[in-house]
Amino acid sequence: MVYGALDIGGTKIAGALVDPDGALVVKARCATPAQGTAEELASAVASVLDELSGHPRWSALAGLGIGCAGPVDTVAGTVSPVNIPAWRGFPLAERVAAHPRMPAGVRPVLVGDAVAMTAAEHWKGAARGVDNALCMVVSTGVGGGLVLGGAVHAGPSGNAGHIGHISVEQNGPDCPCGARGCVERFASGTAIAAHALEGGWSPPPGVAPTAAAVAAAAREGNPEARAAFDRAGRALAAAVAATAALVELDLVVIGGGVAQAGETLFGPLRRHLADYAVLDFARGVPVVSAALELDAGLIGAAAAGSGAVAVRSGTGPAGPGVPGPLPAPHA
């Protein structure tokens, strides 16, 4: 028995087959044609499914989960990712279900990509055993998910914890979501690279101007690169402090591609968090790296596809929109 997983973001489309213990059997990926047409994007997803379905274990597929950048509508099975403009109300779950090699009876389950990451970290990662946590994906965009009262809290539409679109600067830059001053406009990989370039940084010859390249320059002491990560850390800290004040947190877990910068990101984040989280009940919340690193989204999507993470609209044993505690996928 295996579970399928898709993890769809603004940079890459990843897929995997995952065993009942959460171990990845095989992975596939391709670049996201983020500025392409809706059908070009759907074709890229299909190509990942084509590769996975060619594996001998595909015949044992018992379920499939999709973690996608949001907003999502888990009830309708549609997606409208801020960083993928061609998909607005796109019926992703339906299109994945229609793949010609999808086994009969397997119905894809859609969750937000950060909710998938949260589910994985709560099941097997850094938030295991934690009752109240914020888990964040800092990558091409910035997303988040919540664990409240020991349960993954997805919300009625699947978007609870979408911290990337909390405004942290009232007169900040316009965000593609339509608001102003969103965390994502300061702390995403795209925003970090853009700010460093605007400040006068330039990558070495032959190196693309990515957040990873900015992180490398920051570690070497480049002031513009360090300033870009300080700005990102400040925005993340403001959003984390606001969330801690709102729901009370025991832990913050941060993963995603930008989080691979390590202390280059976490150092300024923790420093600024001490300035923002000043109330007694919000002060001193630990901020740690995701234990499952870049595989968290796939493991969490597989858990959703297994039925271990229920996606409900206003009903369920744990209350409105709240899945029960995450067990292993075979439970």
C-alpha atoms as a PDB file:
ATOM      1  CA  MET A   1       0.000   0.000   0.000  1.00  0.00           C
ATOM      2  CA  VAL A   2       1.224   3.488  -0.871  1.00  0.00           C
ATOM      3  CA  TYR A   3      -0.245   6.977  -0.933  1.00  0.00           C
ATOM      4  CA  GLY A   4       0.302   9.521  -3.671  1.00  0.00           C
ATOM      5  CA  ALA A   5       1.222  13.131  -3.006  1.00  0.00           C
ATOM      6  CA  LEU A   6       1.459  16.312  -5.041  1.00  0.00           C
ATOM      7  CA  ASP A   7       3.047  19.507  -3.740  1.00  0.00           C
ATOM      8  CA  ILE A   8       2.349  22.439  -6.063  1.00  0.00           C
ATOM      9  CA  GLY A   9       3.953  25.833  -5.599  1.00  0.00           C
ATOM     10  CA  GLY A  10       5.073  28.807  -7.607  1.00  0.00           C
ATOM     11  CA  THR A  11       8.514  27.335  -8.361  1.00  0.00           C
ATOM     12  CA  LYS A  12       8.093  23.573  -8.577  1.00  0.00           C
ATOM     13  CA  ILE A  13       5.533  20.802  -8.871  1.00  0.00           C
ATOM     14  CA  ALA A  14       6.657  17.801  -6.858  1.00  0.00           C
ATOM     15  CA  GLY A  15       5.105  14.385  -6.521  1.00  0.00           C
ATOM     16  CA  ALA A  16       5.822  11.266  -4.519  1.00  0.00           C
ATOM     17  CA  LEU A  17       4.633   7.852  -3.491  1.00  0.00           C
ATOM     18  CA  VAL A  18       4.718   7.543   0.289  1.00  0.00           C
ATOM     19  CA  ASP A  19       4.497   4.396   2.388  1.00  0.00           C
ATOM     20  CA  PRO A  20       2.229   4.065   5.460  1.00  0.00           C
ATOM     21  CA  ASP A  21       5.088   5.069   7.758  1.00  0.00           C
ATOM     22  CA  GLY A  22       5.631   8.355   5.952  1.00  0.00           C
ATOM     23  CA  ALA A  23       8.765   7.312   4.034  1.00  0.00           C
ATOM     24  CA  LEU A  24       9.101   8.479   0.431  1.00  0.00           C
ATOM     25  CA  VAL A  25       9.267   5.575  -2.034  1.00  0.00           C
ATOM     26  CA  VAL A  26       9.866   7.641  -5.167  1.00  0.00           C
ATOM     27  CA  LYS A  27       9.833  11.342  -6.056  1.00  0.00           C
ATOM     28  CA  ALA A  28       9.223  13.268  -9.266  1.00  0.00           C
ATOM     29  CA  ARG A  29       9.273  16.973 -10.005  1.00  0.00           C
ATOM     30  CA  CYS A  30       9.213  19.625 -12.682  1.00  0.00           C
ATOM     31  CA  ALA A  31       9.390  23.402 -12.786  1.00  0.00           C
ATOM     32  CA  THR A  32       6.104  25.266 -12.393  1.00  0.00           C
ATOM     33  CA  PRO A  33       5.245  27.248 -15.529  1.00  0.00           C
ATOM     34  CA  ALA A  34       3.837  29.892 -13.195  1.00  0.00           C
ATOM     35  CA  GLN A  35       3.218  32.437 -15.941  1.00  0.00           C
ATOM     36  CA  GLY A  36       1.806  29.858 -18.350  1.00  0.00           C
ATOM     37  CA  THR A  37      -1.784  29.160 -19.266  1.00  0.00           C
ATOM     38  CA  ALA A  38      -4.096  27.100 -17.107  1.00  0.00           C
ATOM     39  CA  GLU A  39      -3.671  24.154 -19.466  1.00  0.00           C
ATOM     40  CA  GLU A  40       0.129  24.429 -19.499  1.00  0.00           C
ATOM     41  CA  LEU A  41       0.062  24.245 -15.727  1.00  0.00           C
ATOM     42  CA  ALA A  42      -2.302  21.279 -15.792  1.00  0.00           C
ATOM     43  CA  SER A  43      -0.011  19.529 -18.285  1.00  0.00           C
ATOM     44  CA  ALA A  44       2.930  19.995 -15.927  1.00  0.00           C
ATOM     45  CA  VAL A  45       0.947  18.368 -13.123  1.00  0.00           C
ATOM     46  CA  ALA A  46       0.006  15.531 -15.480  1.00  0.00           C
ATOM     47  CA  SER A  47       3.676  14.985 -16.373  1.00  0.00           C
ATOM     48  CA  VAL A  48       4.527  14.438 -12.701  1.00  0.00           C
ATOM     49  CA  LEU A  49       1.630  11.997 -12.391  1.00  0.00           C
ATOM     50  CA  ASP A  50       2.817  10.244 -15.547  1.00  0.00           C
ATOM     51  CA  GLU A  51       6.208   9.659 -13.938  1.00  0.00           C
ATOM     52  CA  LEU A  52       4.781   8.460 -10.635  1.00  0.00           C
ATOM     53  CA  SER A  53       2.274   6.149 -12.317  1.00  0.00           C
ATOM     54  CA  GLY A  54       5.113   4.433 -14.165  1.00  0.00           C
ATOM     55  CA  HIS A  55       6.520   3.142 -10.862  1.00  0.00           C
ATOM     56  CA  PRO A  56       5.694  -0.491  -9.942  1.00  0.00           C
ATOM     57  CA  ARG A  57       4.192   0.569  -6.593  1.00  0.00           C
ATOM     58  CA  TRP A  58       1.548   2.753  -8.314  1.00  0.00           C
ATOM     59  CA  SER A  59      -0.716  -0.294  -8.599  1.00  0.00           C
ATOM     60  CA  ALA A  60      -0.928  -0.323  -4.787  1.00  0.00           C
ATOM     61  CA  LEU A  61      -2.129   3.300  -4.609  1.00  0.00           C
ATOM     62  CA  ALA A  62      -4.696   3.644  -1.820  1.00  0.00           C
ATOM     63  CA  GLY A  63      -5.205   7.409  -1.859  1.00  0.00           C
ATOM     64  CA  LEU A  64      -3.746  10.659  -3.161  1.00  0.00           C
ATOM     65  CA  GLY A  65      -3.424  14.085  -1.583  1.00  0.00           C
ATOM     66  CA  ILE A  66      -2.712  17.423  -3.221  1.00  0.00           C
ATOM     67  CA  GLY A  67      -1.044  20.257  -1.353  1.00  0.00           C
ATOM     68  CA  CYS A  68      -1.293  23.445  -3.388  1.00  0.00           C
ATOM     69  CA  ALA A  69      -0.343  27.066  -2.856  1.00  0.00           C
ATOM     70  CA  GLY A  70      -3.403  29.044  -1.881  1.00  0.00           C
ATOM     71  CA  PRO A  71      -5.950  30.245  -1.531  1.00  0.00           C
ATOM     72  CA  VAL A  72      -7.648  26.898  -2.022  1.00  0.00           C
ATOM     73  CA  ASP A  73     -11.239  25.746  -1.660  1.00  0.00           C
ATOM     74  CA  THR A  74     -11.036  22.268  -0.226  1.00  0.00           C
ATOM     75  CA  VAL A  75     -14.786  21.768  -0.469  1.00  0.00           C
ATOM     76  CA  ALA A  76     -15.042  22.608  -4.172  1.00  0.00           C
ATOM     77  CA  GLY A  77     -11.611  21.154  -4.986  1.00  0.00           C
ATOM     78  CA  THR A  78     -10.506  24.383  -6.663  1.00  0.00           C
ATOM     79  CA  VAL A  79      -7.392  26.549  -6.353  1.00  0.00           C
ATOM     80  CA  SER A  80      -6.564  30.226  -6.908  1.00  0.00           C
ATOM     81  CA  PRO A  81      -2.869  30.582  -5.964  1.00  0.00           C
ATOM     82  CA  VAL A  82      -1.677  34.174  -5.639  1.00  0.00           C
ATOM     83  CA  ASN A  83       1.582  33.307  -7.422  1.00  0.00           C
ATOM     84  CA  ILE A  84      -0.020  31.285 -10.237  1.00  0.00           C
ATOM     85  CA  PRO A  85      -2.258  33.830 -11.975  1.00  0.00           C
ATOM     86  CA  ALA A  86      -3.729  31.520 -14.637  1.00  0.00           C
ATOM     87  CA  TRP A  87      -5.423  29.373 -12.007  1.00  0.00           C
ATOM     88  CA  ARG A  88      -8.444  31.155 -10.612  1.00  0.00           C
ATOM     89  CA  GLY A  89     -11.100  28.770  -9.351  1.00  0.00           C
ATOM     90  CA  PHE A  90      -9.266  26.027 -11.244  1.00  0.00           C
ATOM     91  CA  PRO A  91     -10.775  22.552 -10.636  1.00  0.00           C
ATOM     92  CA  LEU A  92      -7.474  20.931  -9.677  1.00  0.00           C
ATOM     93  CA  ALA A  93      -8.875  17.969  -7.733  1.00  0.00           C
ATOM     94  CA  GLU A  94     -11.177  17.106 -10.618  1.00  0.00           C
ATOM     95  CA  ARG A  95      -8.374  17.310 -13.174  1.00  0.00           C
ATOM     96  CA  VAL A  96      -6.061  15.115 -11.106  1.00  0.00           C
ATOM     97  CA  ALA A  97      -8.875  12.590 -10.618  1.00  0.00           C
ATOM     98  CA  ALA A  98      -9.284  12.435 -14.409  1.00  0.00           C
ATOM     99  CA  HIS A  99      -5.690  11.317 -15.017  1.00  0.00           C
ATOM    100  CA  PRO A 100      -5.938   8.221 -17.232  1.00  0.00           C
ATOM    101  CA  ARG A 101      -3.876   6.047 -14.859  1.00  0.00           C
ATOM    102  CA  MET A 102      -5.714   7.035 -11.685  1.00  0.00           C
ATOM    103  CA  PRO A 103      -6.960   3.804 -10.079  1.00  0.00           C
ATOM    104  CA  ALA A 104     -10.691   3.378  -9.783  1.00  0.00           C
ATOM    105  CA  GLY A 105     -12.009   4.535  -6.436  1.00  0.00           C
ATOM    106  CA  VAL A 106      -9.120   6.887  -5.653  1.00  0.00           C
ATOM    107  CA  ARG A 107     -10.464  10.402  -5.128  1.00  0.00           C
ATOM    108  CA  PRO A 108      -7.817  13.102  -4.660  1.00  0.00           C
ATOM    109  CA  VAL A 109      -8.000  15.176  -1.472  1.00  0.00           C
ATOM    110  CA  LEU A 110      -7.006  18.851  -1.743  1.00  0.00           C
ATOM    111  CA  VAL A 111      -5.358  20.814   1.077  1.00  0.00           C
ATOM    112  CA  GLY A 112      -3.341  24.016   1.183  1.00  0.00           C
ATOM    113  CA  ASP A 113       0.393  23.403   0.818  1.00  0.00           C
ATOM    114  CA  ALA A 114       1.185  24.960   4.190  1.00  0.00           C
ATOM    115  CA  VAL A 115      -1.577  22.962   5.883  1.00  0.00           C
ATOM    116  CA  ALA A 116       0.037  19.848   4.375  1.00  0.00           C
ATOM    117  CA  MET A 117       3.404  20.909   5.772  1.00  0.00           C
ATOM    118  CA  THR A 118       1.765  21.533   9.156  1.00  0.00           C
ATOM    119  CA  ALA A 119       0.144  18.104   9.142  1.00  0.00           C
ATOM    120  CA  ALA A 120       3.481  16.441   8.379  1.00  0.00           C
ATOM    121  CA  GLU A 121       5.428  18.354  11.023  1.00  0.00           C
ATOM    122  CA  HIS A 122       2.729  17.606  13.607  1.00  0.00           C
ATOM    123  CA  TRP A 123       2.741  13.904  12.707  1.00  0.00           C
ATOM    124  CA  LYS A 124       6.454  13.176  12.323  1.00  0.00           C
ATOM    125  CA  GLY A 125       8.389  16.420  12.593  1.00  0.00           C
ATOM    126  CA  ALA A 126       9.301  19.342  14.802  1.00  0.00           C
ATOM    127  CA  ALA A 127       5.736  19.936  16.057  1.00  0.00           C
ATOM    128  CA  ARG A 128       5.100  16.344  17.089  1.00  0.00           C
ATOM    129  CA  GLY A 129       3.305  16.263  20.441  1.00  0.00           C
ATOM    130  CA  VAL A 130       2.823  20.046  20.466  1.00  0.00           C
ATOM    131  CA  ASP A 131      -0.691  21.287  21.213  1.00  0.00           C
ATOM    132  CA  ASN A 132      -0.487  24.791  19.729  1.00  0.00           C
ATOM    133  CA  ALA A 133       1.872  25.584  16.872  1.00  0.00           C
ATOM    134  CA  LEU A 134       2.281  27.774  13.832  1.00  0.00           C
ATOM    135  CA  CYS A 135       4.017  26.076  10.919  1.00  0.00           C
ATOM    136  CA  MET A 136       5.204  28.252   8.036  1.00  0.00           C
ATOM    137  CA  VAL A 137       6.451  27.684   4.503  1.00  0.00           C
ATOM    138  CA  VAL A 138       8.771  30.471   3.356  1.00  0.00           C
ATOM    139  CA  SER A 139       9.504  29.941  -0.313  1.00  0.00           C
ATOM    140  CA  THR A 140       8.297  31.550  -3.544  1.00  0.00           C
ATOM    141  CA  GLY A 141       5.390  32.649  -1.373  1.00  0.00           C
ATOM    142  CA  VAL A 142       4.762  32.561   2.355  1.00  0.00           C
ATOM    143  CA  GLY A 143       2.130  30.244   3.756  1.00  0.00           C
ATOM    144  CA  GLY A 144       1.197  28.850   7.128  1.00  0.00           C
ATOM    145  CA  GLY A 145      -0.911  26.396   9.033  1.00  0.00           C
ATOM    146  CA  LEU A 146      -2.055  26.046  12.624  1.00  0.00           C
ATOM    147  CA  VAL A 147      -2.157  23.317  15.220  1.00  0.00           C
ATOM    148  CA  LEU A 148      -4.662  24.314  17.904  1.00  0.00           C
ATOM    149  CA  GLY A 149      -5.606  22.169  20.872  1.00  0.00           C
ATOM    150  CA  GLY A 150      -3.572  19.276  19.495  1.00  0.00           C
ATOM    151  CA  ALA A 151      -5.339  19.226  16.116  1.00  0.00           C
ATOM    152  CA  VAL A 152      -4.462  20.570  12.691  1.00  0.00           C
ATOM    153  CA  HIS A 153      -6.850  23.466  12.098  1.00  0.00           C
ATOM    154  CA  ALA A 154      -7.549  23.896   8.391  1.00  0.00           C
ATOM    155  CA  GLY A 155     -10.631  26.119   8.617  1.00  0.00           C
ATOM    156  CA  PRO A 156     -13.904  25.763   6.673  1.00  0.00           C
ATOM    157  CA  SER A 157     -12.304  26.430   3.263  1.00  0.00           C
ATOM    158  CA  GLY A 158      -8.842  25.052   4.074  1.00  0.00           C
ATOM    159  CA  ASN A 159      -7.054  28.406   4.380  1.00  0.00           C
ATOM    160  CA  ALA A 160      -6.694  28.941   8.135  1.00  0.00           C
ATOM    161  CA  GLY A 161      -3.226  30.131   9.088  1.00  0.00           C
ATOM    162  CA  HIS A 162      -2.507  31.837   5.752  1.00  0.00           C
ATOM    163  CA  ILE A 163       0.040  34.077   7.426  1.00  0.00           C
ATOM    164  CA  GLY A 164       1.700  35.277   4.228  1.00  0.00           C
ATOM    165  CA  HIS A 165      -1.197  37.631   3.665  1.00  0.00           C
ATOM    166  CA  ILE A 166      -1.249  39.269   7.070  1.00  0.00           C
ATOM    167  CA  SER A 167      -0.421  42.933   6.543  1.00  0.00           C
ATOM    168  CA  VAL A 168       2.621  43.986   8.571  1.00  0.00           C
ATOM    169  CA  GLU A 169       3.028  47.469   7.114  1.00  0.00           C
ATOM    170  CA  GLN A 170      -0.025  49.659   6.692  1.00  0.00           C
ATOM    171  CA  ASN A 171       1.473  51.689   3.848  1.00  0.00           C
ATOM    172  CA  GLY A 172       3.606  48.888   2.482  1.00  0.00           C
ATOM    173  CA  PRO A 173       3.915  47.730  -1.124  1.00  0.00           C
ATOM    174  CA  ASP A 174       0.933  46.449  -3.040  1.00  0.00           C
ATOM    175  CA  CYS A 175       0.567  42.674  -2.933  1.00  0.00           C
ATOM    176  CA  PRO A 176      -0.741  40.569  -5.844  1.00  0.00           C
ATOM    177  CA  CYS A 177      -3.489  39.387  -3.498  1.00  0.00           C
ATOM    178  CA  GLY A 178      -4.939  42.922  -3.579  1.00  0.00           C
ATOM    179  CA  ALA A 179      -3.882  44.063  -0.105  1.00  0.00           C
ATOM    180  CA  ARG A 180      -0.902  46.147   0.978  1.00  0.00           C
ATOM    181  CA  GLY A 181       2.127  45.388   3.107  1.00  0.00           C
ATOM    182  CA  CYS A 182       1.651  41.613   3.256  1.00  0.00           C
ATOM    183  CA  VAL A 183       4.348  39.443   4.820  1.00  0.00           C
ATOM    184  CA  GLU A 184       4.899  37.789   1.450  1.00  0.00           C
ATOM    185  CA  ARG A 185       5.986  41.108  -0.081  1.00  0.00           C
ATOM    186  CA  PHE A 186       8.895  41.234   2.377  1.00  0.00           C
ATOM    187  CA  ALA A 187       9.833  37.659   3.203  1.00  0.00           C
ATOM    188  CA  SER A 188       9.264  35.476   0.139  1.00  0.00           C
ATOM    189  CA  GLY A 189      12.281  34.362  -1.831  1.00  0.00           C
ATOM    190  CA  THR A 190      11.220  36.605  -4.678  1.00  0.00           C
ATOM    191  CA  ALA A 191      10.903  39.623  -2.374  1.00  0.00           C
ATOM    192  CA  ILE A 192      14.273  38.991  -0.722  1.00  0.00           C
ATOM    193  CA  ALA A 193      16.068  38.796  -4.074  1.00  0.00           C
ATOM    194  CA  ALA A 194      14.267  41.869  -5.423  1.00  0.00           C
ATOM    195  CA  HIS A 195      15.104  43.969  -2.359  1.00  0.00           C
ATOM    196  CA  ALA A 196      18.765  42.983  -2.472  1.00  0.00           C
ATOM    197  CA  LEU A 197      18.955  43.901  -6.169  1.00  0.00           C
ATOM    198  CA  GLU A 198      17.264  47.237  -5.511  1.00  0.00           C
ATOM    199  CA  GLY A 199      19.813  47.917  -2.777  1.00  0.00           C
ATOM    200  CA  GLY A 200      22.730  47.450  -5.155  1.00  0.00           C
ATOM    201  CA  TRP A 201      23.618  43.770  -4.681  1.00  0.00           C
ATOM    202  CA  SER A 202      24.364  41.735  -7.774  1.00  0.00           C
ATOM    203  CA  PRO A 203      25.030  38.003  -8.001  1.00  0.00           C
ATOM    204  CA  PRO A 204      28.341  36.598  -9.182  1.00  0.00           C
ATOM    205  CA  PRO A 205      28.664  36.052 -12.942  1.00  0.00           C
ATOM    206  CA  GLY A 206      26.601  33.112 -14.105  1.00  0.00           C
ATOM    207  CA  VAL A 207      24.597  32.908 -10.862  1.00  0.00           C
ATOM    208  CA  ALA A 208      20.864  33.586 -10.924  1.00  0.00           C
ATOM    209  CA  PRO A 209      19.601  36.330  -8.576  1.00  0.00           C
ATOM    210  CA  THR A 210      17.753  34.043  -6.183  1.00  0.00           C
ATOM    211  CA  ALA A 211      17.181  34.134  -2.441  1.00  0.00           C
ATOM    212  CA  ALA A 212      19.757  31.351  -2.109  1.00  0.00           C
ATOM    213  CA  ALA A 213      22.326  33.532  -3.854  1.00  0.00           C
ATOM    214  CA  VAL A 214      21.408  36.444  -1.574  1.00  0.00           C
ATOM    215  CA  ALA A 215      21.826  34.155   1.450  1.00  0.00           C
ATOM    216  CA  ALA A 216      25.291  33.139   0.263  1.00  0.00           C
ATOM    217  CA  ALA A 217      26.241  36.806  -0.108  1.00  0.00           C
ATOM    218  CA  ALA A 218      24.812  37.607   3.324  1.00  0.00           C
ATOM    219  CA  ARG A 219      26.947  34.893   4.907  1.00  0.00           C
ATOM    220  CA  GLU A 220      29.978  36.545   3.301  1.00  0.00           C
ATOM    221  CA  GLY A 221      29.003  39.868   4.871  1.00  0.00           C
ATOM    222  CA  ASN A 222      27.466  41.682   1.908  1.00  0.00           C
ATOM    223  CA  PRO A 223      25.487  44.568   3.488  1.00  0.00           C
ATOM    224  CA  GLU A 224      22.701  44.685   0.878  1.00  0.00           C
ATOM    225  CA  ALA A 225      22.136  40.943   1.173  1.00  0.00           C
ATOM    226  CA  ARG A 226      22.137  41.116   4.964  1.00  0.00           C
ATOM    227  CA  ALA A 227      19.662  43.991   4.845  1.00  0.00           C
ATOM    228  CA  ALA A 228      17.296  41.971   2.628  1.00  0.00           C
ATOM    229  CA  PHE A 229      17.252  39.093   5.125  1.00  0.00           C
ATOM    230  CA  ASP A 230      16.906  41.471   8.067  1.00  0.00           C
ATOM    231  CA  ARG A 231      13.849  43.007   6.381  1.00  0.00           C
ATOM    232  CA  ALA A 232      12.400  39.540   5.780  1.00  0.00           C
ATOM    233  CA  GLY A 233      13.063  38.494   9.371  1.00  0.00           C
ATOM    234  CA  ARG A 234      11.375  41.613  10.697  1.00  0.00           C
ATOM    235  CA  ALA A 235       8.218  40.972   8.649  1.00  0.00           C
ATOM    236  CA  LEU A 236       8.071  37.343   9.725  1.00  0.00           C
ATOM    237  CA  ALA A 237       8.603  38.340  13.351  1.00  0.00           C
ATOM    238  CA  ALA A 238       5.743  40.843  13.242  1.00  0.00           C
ATOM    239  CA  ALA A 239       3.400  38.213  11.819  1.00  0.00           C
ATOM    240  CA  VAL A 240       4.492  35.522  14.272  1.00  0.00           C
ATOM    241  CA  ALA A 241       4.020  37.906  17.203  1.00  0.00           C
ATOM    242  CA  ALA A 242       0.535  38.818  15.983  1.00  0.00           C
ATOM    243  CA  THR A 243      -0.398  35.149  15.678  1.00  0.00           C
ATOM    244  CA  ALA A 244       0.988  34.369  19.130  1.00  0.00           C
ATOM    245  CA  ALA A 245      -1.065  37.210  20.595  1.00  0.00           C
ATOM    246  CA  LEU A 246      -4.192  35.968  18.829  1.00  0.00           C
ATOM    247  CA  VAL A 247      -4.148  32.226  19.541  1.00  0.00           C
ATOM    248  CA  GLU A 248      -1.232  31.605  21.971  1.00  0.00           C
ATOM    249  CA  LEU A 249       1.524  29.392  20.603  1.00  0.00           C
ATOM    250  CA  ASP A 250       3.857  26.801  22.089  1.00  0.00           C
ATOM    251  CA  LEU A 251       6.092  26.599  19.022  1.00  0.00           C
ATOM    252  CA  VAL A 252       6.777  28.078  15.589  1.00  0.00           C
ATOM    253  CA  VAL A 253       8.157  25.804  12.862  1.00  0.00           C
ATOM    254  CA  ILE A 254       9.534  27.288   9.657  1.00  0.00           C
ATOM    255  CA  GLY A 255      10.340  25.358   6.487  1.00  0.00           C
ATOM    256  CA  GLY A 256      10.481  25.953   2.752  1.00  0.00           C
ATOM    257  CA  GLY A 257      13.276  26.870   0.392  1.00  0.00           C
ATOM    258  CA  VAL A 258      14.128  30.231   1.977  1.00  0.00           C
ATOM    259  CA  ALA A 259      14.364  28.601   5.417  1.00  0.00           C
ATOM    260  CA  GLN A 260      17.311  26.604   4.094  1.00  0.00           C
ATOM    261  CA  ALA A 261      19.307  29.817   4.640  1.00  0.00           C
ATOM    262  CA  GLY A 262      19.445  28.815   8.311  1.00  0.00           C
ATOM    263  CA  GLU A 263      20.683  31.439  10.745  1.00  0.00           C
ATOM    264  CA  THR A 264      20.870  33.998   7.946  1.00  0.00           C
ATOM    265  CA  LEU A 265      17.063  34.061   8.213  1.00  0.00           C
ATOM    266  CA  PHE A 266      16.457  32.731  11.723  1.00  0.00           C
ATOM    267  CA  GLY A 267      18.911  35.096  13.401  1.00  0.00           C
ATOM    268  CA  PRO A 268      17.153  38.341  12.447  1.00  0.00           C
ATOM    269  CA  LEU A 269      13.724  36.716  12.847  1.00  0.00           C
ATOM    270  CA  ARG A 270      14.396  35.740  16.454  1.00  0.00           C
ATOM    271  CA  ARG A 271      16.017  39.096  17.216  1.00  0.00           C
ATOM    272  CA  HIS A 272      13.049  41.078  15.917  1.00  0.00           C
ATOM    273  CA  LEU A 273      10.565  38.683  17.519  1.00  0.00           C
ATOM    274  CA  ALA A 274      11.909  39.698  20.918  1.00  0.00           C
ATOM    275  CA  ASP A 275      10.858  43.279  20.093  1.00  0.00           C
ATOM    276  CA  TYR A 276       7.379  42.403  18.797  1.00  0.00           C
ATOM    277  CA  ALA A 277       6.266  39.585  21.120  1.00  0.00           C
ATOM    278  CA  VAL A 278       6.352  41.461  24.417  1.00  0.00           C
ATOM    279  CA  LEU A 279       3.214  40.276  26.219  1.00  0.00           C
ATOM    280  CA  ASP A 280       3.900  37.669  28.875  1.00  0.00           C
ATOM    281  CA  PHE A 281       1.947  34.923  27.140  1.00  0.00           C
ATOM    282  CA  ALA A 282       3.534  35.586  23.733  1.00  0.00           C
ATOM    283  CA  ARG A 283       7.117  36.195  24.798  1.00  0.00           C
ATOM    284  CA  GLY A 284       9.799  33.574  24.245  1.00  0.00           C
ATOM    285  CA  VAL A 285       7.963  31.308  21.795  1.00  0.00           C
ATOM    286  CA  PRO A 286      10.608  28.962  20.311  1.00  0.00           C
ATOM    287  CA  VAL A 287      11.225  29.237  16.560  1.00  0.00           C
ATOM    288  CA  VAL A 288      12.731  26.119  14.978  1.00  0.00           C
ATOM    289  CA  SER A 289      13.473  24.679  11.557  1.00  0.00           C
ATOM    290  CA  ALA A 290      11.123  22.156   9.991  1.00  0.00           C
ATOM    291  CA  ALA A 291      12.431  18.668  10.764  1.00  0.00           C
ATOM    292  CA  LEU A 292      11.206  17.214   7.475  1.00  0.00           C
ATOM    293  CA  GLU A 293      12.695  20.080   5.468  1.00  0.00           C
ATOM    294  CA  LEU A 294      11.559  20.132   1.829  1.00  0.00           C
ATOM    295  CA  ASP A 295       9.718  16.785   2.025  1.00  0.00           C
ATOM    296  CA  ALA A 296       7.161  18.012   4.569  1.00  0.00           C
ATOM    297  CA  GLY A 297       4.639  19.116   1.949  1.00  0.00           C
ATOM    298  CA  LEU A 298       4.692  15.733   0.227  1.00  0.00           C
ATOM    299  CA  ILE A 299       4.418  13.752   3.459  1.00  0.00           C
ATOM    300  CA  GLY A 300       1.537  15.926   4.647  1.00  0.00           C
ATOM    301  CA  ALA A 301      -0.276  15.675   1.313  1.00  0.00           C
ATOM    302  CA  ALA A 302       0.046  11.891   1.451  1.00  0.00           C
ATOM    303  CA  ALA A 303      -1.408  11.899   4.957  1.00  0.00           C
ATOM    304  CA  ALA A 304      -4.358  13.930   3.650  1.00  0.00           C
ATOM    305  CA  GLY A 305      -4.839  11.500   0.784  1.00  0.00           C
ATOM    306  CA  SER A 306      -4.811   8.570   3.185  1.00  0.00           C
ATOM    307  CA  GLY A 307      -7.768   9.963   5.103  1.00  0.00           C
ATOM    308  CA  ALA A 308      -5.629  10.673   8.162  1.00  0.00           C
ATOM    309  CA  VAL A 309      -6.332  14.393   7.645  1.00  0.00           C
ATOM    310  CA  ALA A 310     -10.031  14.986   7.097  1.00  0.00           C
ATOM    311  CA  VAL A 311     -11.004  18.078   5.109  1.00  0.00           C
ATOM    312  CA  ARG A 312     -14.393  19.184   6.370  1.00  0.00           C
ATOM    313  CA  SER A 313     -16.627  22.186   5.865  1.00  0.00           C
ATOM    314  CA  GLY A 314     -18.039  23.087   9.238  1.00  0.00           C
ATOM    315  CA  THR A 315     -18.550  19.595  10.634  1.00  0.00           C
ATOM    316  CA  GLY A 316     -16.531  16.862  12.262  1.00  0.00           C
ATOM    317  CA  PRO A 317     -15.678  15.376  15.633  1.00  0.00           C
ATOM    318  CA  ALA A 318     -13.065  18.017  16.425  1.00  0.00           C
ATOM    319  CA  GLY A 319     -15.401  20.901  15.662  1.00  0.00           C
ATOM    320  CA  PRO A 320     -16.044  23.172  12.672  1.00  0.00           C
ATOM    321  CA  GLY A 321     -13.326  22.833  10.084  1.00  0.00           C
ATOM    322  CA  VAL A 322     -10.912  21.175  12.507  1.00  0.00           C
ATOM    323  CA  PRO A 323      -9.440  17.804  11.499  1.00  0.00           C
ATOM    324  CA  GLY A 324      -8.718  15.381  14.289  1.00  0.00           C
ATOM    325  CA  PRO A 325      -5.192  14.754  15.547  1.00  0.00           C
ATOM    326  CA  LEU A 326      -2.968  13.451  12.784  1.00  0.00           C
ATOM    327  CA  PRO A 327      -2.248   9.725  13.031  1.00  0.00           C
ATOM    328  CA  ALA A 328      -0.050   7.705  10.721  1.00  0.00           C
ATOM    329  CA  PRO A 329      -1.597   7.374   7.254  1.00  0.00           C
ATOM    330  CA  HIS A 330      -2.634   3.747   7.789  1.00  0.00           C
ATOM    331  CA  ALA A 331      -4.510   4.530  11.010  1.00  0.00           C
END
